[in-house]
Protein backbone atom coordinates (compact mmCIF):
# COMPACT_ATOMS: atom_id res chain seq x y z
CA MET A 1 59.70 42.79 71.65
CA ARG A 2 61.92 39.90 70.62
CA LEU A 3 64.34 42.25 69.73
CA LYS A 4 64.00 44.05 73.55
CA ARG A 5 63.97 40.89 74.96
CA SER A 6 67.07 39.90 73.18
CA ARG A 7 69.17 43.14 74.21
CA PHE A 8 68.50 42.56 77.75
CA SER A 9 69.55 39.03 78.42
CA GLN A 10 72.97 40.49 76.51
CA ILE A 11 73.51 43.01 79.34
CA LEU A 12 72.02 40.72 81.98
CA ALA A 13 74.77 38.29 80.31
CA GLY A 14 77.51 40.95 81.31
CA ILE A 15 76.43 41.65 84.79
CA LEU A 16 76.25 38.03 85.52
CA VAL A 17 79.83 37.64 83.99
CA ASN A 18 81.18 40.53 85.43
CA ALA A 19 79.63 41.36 88.82
CA ILE A 20 77.40 38.74 90.08
CA TYR A 21 79.71 35.81 89.34
CA GLU A 22 82.74 37.45 91.02
CA MET A 23 80.51 38.81 93.89
CA LYS A 24 79.45 35.82 94.63
CA ASN A 25 82.18 33.79 94.69
CA TYR A 26 85.03 36.54 95.43
CA PRO A 27 84.14 38.37 98.05
CA ILE A 28 87.31 39.71 99.02
CA VAL A 29 87.68 41.69 96.00
CA THR A 30 84.28 43.45 96.58
CA ILE A 31 85.62 44.45 100.15
CA SER A 32 88.70 45.78 98.79
CA THR A 33 86.86 47.97 96.36
CA VAL A 34 85.07 49.54 98.81
CA ILE A 35 88.32 49.50 101.81
CA SER A 36 89.86 51.98 98.78
CA PRO A 37 87.57 54.69 99.08
CA LEU A 38 86.76 54.55 102.35
CA SER A 39 90.49 54.20 104.17
CA LEU A 40 91.48 57.78 102.22
CA LEU A 41 88.65 59.27 103.32
CA ALA A 42 89.41 58.29 106.50
CA VAL A 43 92.37 59.26 106.54
CA VAL A 44 91.63 62.84 105.20
CA ALA A 45 88.37 63.45 108.31
CA PHE A 46 91.16 61.94 111.03
CA VAL A 47 94.00 64.89 109.71
CA SER A 48 91.24 67.37 109.62
CA SER A 49 89.31 67.39 112.79
CA GLY A 50 86.37 66.58 110.96
CA ASP A 51 86.60 69.63 108.79
CA LEU A 52 87.03 68.46 105.90
CA LEU A 53 84.55 65.21 106.26
CA GLY A 54 82.13 66.41 103.39
CA THR A 55 84.86 67.14 100.85
CA ALA A 56 86.62 63.82 101.57
CA ILE A 57 83.08 62.17 101.19
CA ALA A 58 82.69 63.53 98.07
CA GLY A 59 86.39 62.54 96.66
CA GLY A 60 84.83 59.01 97.88
CA LEU A 61 82.30 59.04 95.59
CA ILE A 62 84.69 60.54 92.86
CA MET A 63 87.25 57.81 93.22
CA ILE A 64 84.20 55.23 93.52
CA PHE A 65 82.61 55.93 90.17
CA PHE A 66 86.00 56.78 88.42
CA SER A 67 87.70 53.20 89.64
CA SER A 68 85.00 51.33 88.96
CA GLY A 69 85.35 52.52 84.78
CA ILE A 70 88.78 51.92 84.84
CA ALA A 71 88.18 48.44 86.11
CA LEU A 72 86.33 47.56 83.38
CA GLN A 73 89.79 48.12 81.34
CA SER A 74 91.25 45.07 83.45
CA ASP A 75 87.81 42.89 83.70
CA LEU A 76 87.57 43.16 79.79
CA SER A 77 91.14 42.07 79.10
CA HIS A 78 90.71 38.93 81.40
CA LEU A 79 87.75 37.82 79.89
CA LYS A 80 89.63 39.17 76.60
CA ASN A 81 92.85 37.37 76.90
CA ASP A 82 92.46 34.85 78.96
CA PHE A 83 88.80 33.00 78.19
CA LYS A 84 88.70 34.51 74.88
CA LEU A 85 85.46 36.10 75.57
CA GLN A 86 85.02 38.89 72.97
CA ASP A 87 85.97 36.57 70.17
CA MET A 88 82.87 34.59 71.25
CA ILE A 89 81.30 37.84 71.53
CA VAL A 90 82.21 39.25 68.08
CA SER A 91 81.03 35.97 66.34
CA SER A 92 77.27 36.47 67.77
CA PRO A 93 74.90 38.80 67.25
CA THR A 94 75.84 40.75 70.19
CA SER A 95 77.11 43.99 69.32
CA ALA A 96 79.89 45.96 71.05
CA LYS A 97 77.69 48.31 72.44
CA MET A 98 75.33 45.62 74.30
CA TYR A 99 78.56 44.32 75.38
CA MET A 100 79.87 47.29 76.51
CA ALA A 101 76.65 48.34 78.38
CA GLY A 102 76.48 45.29 80.14
CA MET A 103 79.75 45.04 80.86
CA SER A 104 79.82 48.89 82.38
CA LEU A 105 76.37 48.05 84.49
CA ALA A 106 78.25 45.17 85.61
CA GLU A 107 80.79 47.68 87.27
CA ILE A 108 78.54 49.96 89.00
CA ILE A 109 76.56 46.73 90.30
CA TYR A 110 80.12 45.59 91.79
CA SER A 111 80.57 48.83 93.33
CA ILE A 112 76.97 49.29 95.16
CA PRO A 113 78.01 48.41 98.54
CA GLY A 114 80.50 51.38 98.47
CA ILE A 115 78.12 53.80 96.66
CA VAL A 116 75.42 53.07 99.32
CA ILE A 117 78.24 53.72 102.54
CA LEU A 118 79.22 56.75 100.63
CA SER A 119 75.58 57.81 100.12
CA VAL A 120 74.58 57.10 103.53
CA LEU A 121 77.46 59.05 104.91
CA ALA A 122 76.74 62.18 102.37
CA ALA A 123 72.91 61.92 103.31
CA VAL A 124 73.64 61.96 107.14
CA TYR A 125 77.07 64.92 107.01
CA ILE A 126 75.95 66.84 104.05
CA GLN A 127 71.96 66.70 103.86
CA PRO A 128 72.08 67.90 100.70
CA ASN A 129 68.63 68.96 99.14
CA LEU A 130 67.31 67.68 95.59
CA ILE A 131 68.99 70.23 93.59
CA GLN A 132 72.58 69.12 94.94
CA ILE A 133 71.66 65.69 94.69
CA ALA A 134 70.56 66.22 91.04
CA ILE A 135 74.42 68.41 90.79
CA LEU A 136 76.28 65.53 92.05
CA THR A 137 75.08 62.34 89.95
CA ALA A 138 75.40 64.46 86.89
CA VAL A 139 79.06 64.85 87.90
CA LEU A 140 79.14 61.39 88.98
CA PHE A 141 77.31 59.85 86.02
CA LEU A 142 80.05 61.98 83.66
CA MET A 143 82.91 60.83 85.69
CA PHE A 144 82.06 57.63 85.33
CA ALA A 145 81.29 57.86 81.71
CA LEU A 146 84.94 59.42 80.91
CA SER A 147 86.74 56.48 82.77
CA ILE A 148 84.11 53.60 80.97
CA ALA A 149 85.45 54.99 77.94
CA ILE A 150 89.76 54.77 78.78
CA GLY A 151 88.55 51.93 80.19
CA PHE A 152 87.52 49.86 77.12
CA MET A 153 89.70 51.24 74.73
CA LEU A 154 92.65 50.16 76.92
CA ALA A 155 90.92 46.82 77.31
CA THR A 156 90.79 46.81 73.51
CA LEU A 157 94.57 47.27 72.61
CA SER A 158 96.11 45.58 75.69
CA SER A 159 97.19 42.42 75.25
CA ASP A 160 98.12 40.88 78.34
CA VAL A 161 96.39 41.32 81.64
CA VAL A 162 99.11 42.27 83.76
CA GLN A 163 99.56 44.94 81.79
CA SER A 164 95.61 45.76 81.88
CA TYR A 165 95.69 45.64 86.26
CA ALA A 166 99.15 48.07 86.09
CA PHE A 167 97.13 50.62 83.73
CA SER A 168 94.45 50.16 86.17
CA ARG A 169 96.09 51.22 89.50
CA LEU A 170 98.42 53.91 87.55
CA LEU A 171 95.19 55.79 86.17
CA SER A 172 93.49 55.08 89.34
CA LEU A 173 96.70 56.92 91.42
CA LEU A 174 96.88 59.73 88.77
CA PHE A 175 93.18 60.68 88.26
CA ALA A 176 91.73 59.87 91.47
CA THR A 177 94.08 59.61 94.16
CA LEU A 178 96.74 62.52 93.34
CA PRO A 179 94.26 65.20 92.34
CA PRO A 180 92.81 67.31 94.93
CA VAL A 181 89.12 65.24 95.26
CA TYR A 182 88.83 64.66 99.17
CA TYR A 183 90.16 68.07 99.47
CA PRO A 184 89.80 71.84 98.47
CA ILE A 185 92.14 72.84 95.88
CA THR A 186 92.87 75.98 98.12
CA LEU A 187 94.87 73.60 100.06
CA VAL A 188 96.92 72.43 97.05
CA PRO A 189 100.32 75.00 97.41
CA TYR A 190 101.25 76.94 93.83
CA PRO A 191 102.26 75.79 91.65
CA PHE A 192 101.43 72.44 91.80
CA ASN A 193 97.53 73.47 92.20
CA TYR A 194 97.74 74.37 88.19
CA LEU A 195 99.28 70.74 87.53
CA ALA A 196 96.29 69.90 89.38
CA TYR A 197 93.92 71.10 86.38
CA LEU A 198 95.45 68.57 84.13
CA SER A 199 93.28 66.05 85.84
CA PRO A 200 89.42 66.03 84.65
CA THR A 201 88.73 65.12 88.81
CA THR A 202 89.62 68.13 89.59
CA TYR A 203 86.99 70.30 87.06
CA ALA A 204 84.54 67.47 89.10
CA ALA A 205 86.02 67.93 92.69
CA GLU A 206 85.67 71.70 92.53
CA ILE A 207 81.64 71.62 91.06
CA MET A 208 81.13 69.06 93.40
CA HIS A 209 83.19 70.80 96.47
CA TRP A 210 80.75 74.01 95.10
CA THR A 211 77.63 72.21 95.17
CA ILE A 212 78.15 70.96 99.44
CA GLY A 213 79.49 74.44 100.15
CA ALA A 214 82.90 73.51 100.89
CA LEU A 215 84.33 75.78 97.94
CA GLU A 216 83.63 79.28 96.64
CA LEU A 217 83.83 79.94 93.02
CA SER A 218 82.56 82.65 90.65
CA SER A 219 80.02 81.80 87.93
CA THR A 220 82.79 82.08 85.12
CA HIS A 221 85.11 79.22 86.76
CA LEU A 222 82.13 76.89 87.40
CA ILE A 223 80.86 77.06 83.71
CA ILE A 224 84.39 76.42 82.95
CA ASP A 225 84.27 73.32 85.18
CA TRP A 226 81.36 72.17 83.77
CA ALA A 227 82.53 73.24 80.09
CA VAL A 228 86.08 71.30 80.72
CA LEU A 229 84.25 68.45 82.06
CA ILE A 230 81.75 67.80 79.33
CA GLY A 231 83.90 68.42 76.88
CA ALA A 232 86.92 66.05 78.32
CA CYS A 233 83.68 63.25 78.11
CA VAL A 234 82.83 63.89 74.73
CA VAL A 235 86.51 64.04 73.14
CA ILE A 236 87.78 60.83 75.14
CA MET A 237 84.68 59.19 74.36
CA PHE A 238 84.97 59.94 70.80
CA ILE A 239 88.65 58.51 70.41
CA ALA A 240 88.02 55.13 72.25
CA VAL A 241 85.59 54.47 69.45
CA LYS A 242 87.49 55.58 66.88
CA LYS A 243 90.57 53.88 68.65
CA SER A 244 89.09 50.52 70.27
CA ARG A 245 89.44 47.19 68.22
CA TRP A 246 86.55 45.40 68.71
CA ARG A 247 87.39 42.56 65.75
CA GLU A 248 91.18 41.48 65.16
CA VAL A 249 92.18 42.55 62.26
């Protein structure tokens, strides 16, 4: 029981430090987190006269979950390099797993306003059933896990918070903005449609667009999408575990 309480307090500490404190003292950052996916959603919806609203909502959810995970990189780097928090955590009973779990949950809590808005829009305009909700949730969970692994690995390797912010913006652009997540890949002309498959978010978007009925996929294509998405998640998490530096050497 005492061990469980200790682990809970460690995770709670990460949430308080990385989410509650910033949301309370710097609400403008929360507003910025909400505006980013919604702005692209609005642009796509207006340009398509509402025809791509469903895919744009799905894209907004992908972006907010992926960007939340990538944001862990700059947050961890800031706490590690500016406040030397990681040095204190390393010398405490808290393990890397507990530290990462608390900080990761903090990123989800930090993004709750945007997630709630997009979920309400999905409920109104997409009206998914329980099976569709389960599939969409599974895809978003994989996206978040993949981005958390990337964020944690880069944060432990980064030596400057400015560098981390640059990486965060670049990765969000490459994985959540440029690939066809806000619109079907069928709208991407050749040969750029093949380049889009270099990003794991493209496979996540195809599954979500198929789930809401915005894209037709064969069973084989759908299986490949799931295999690539899960495989990419496993590989990147494995690399993150192997390459991350928890203790300075």
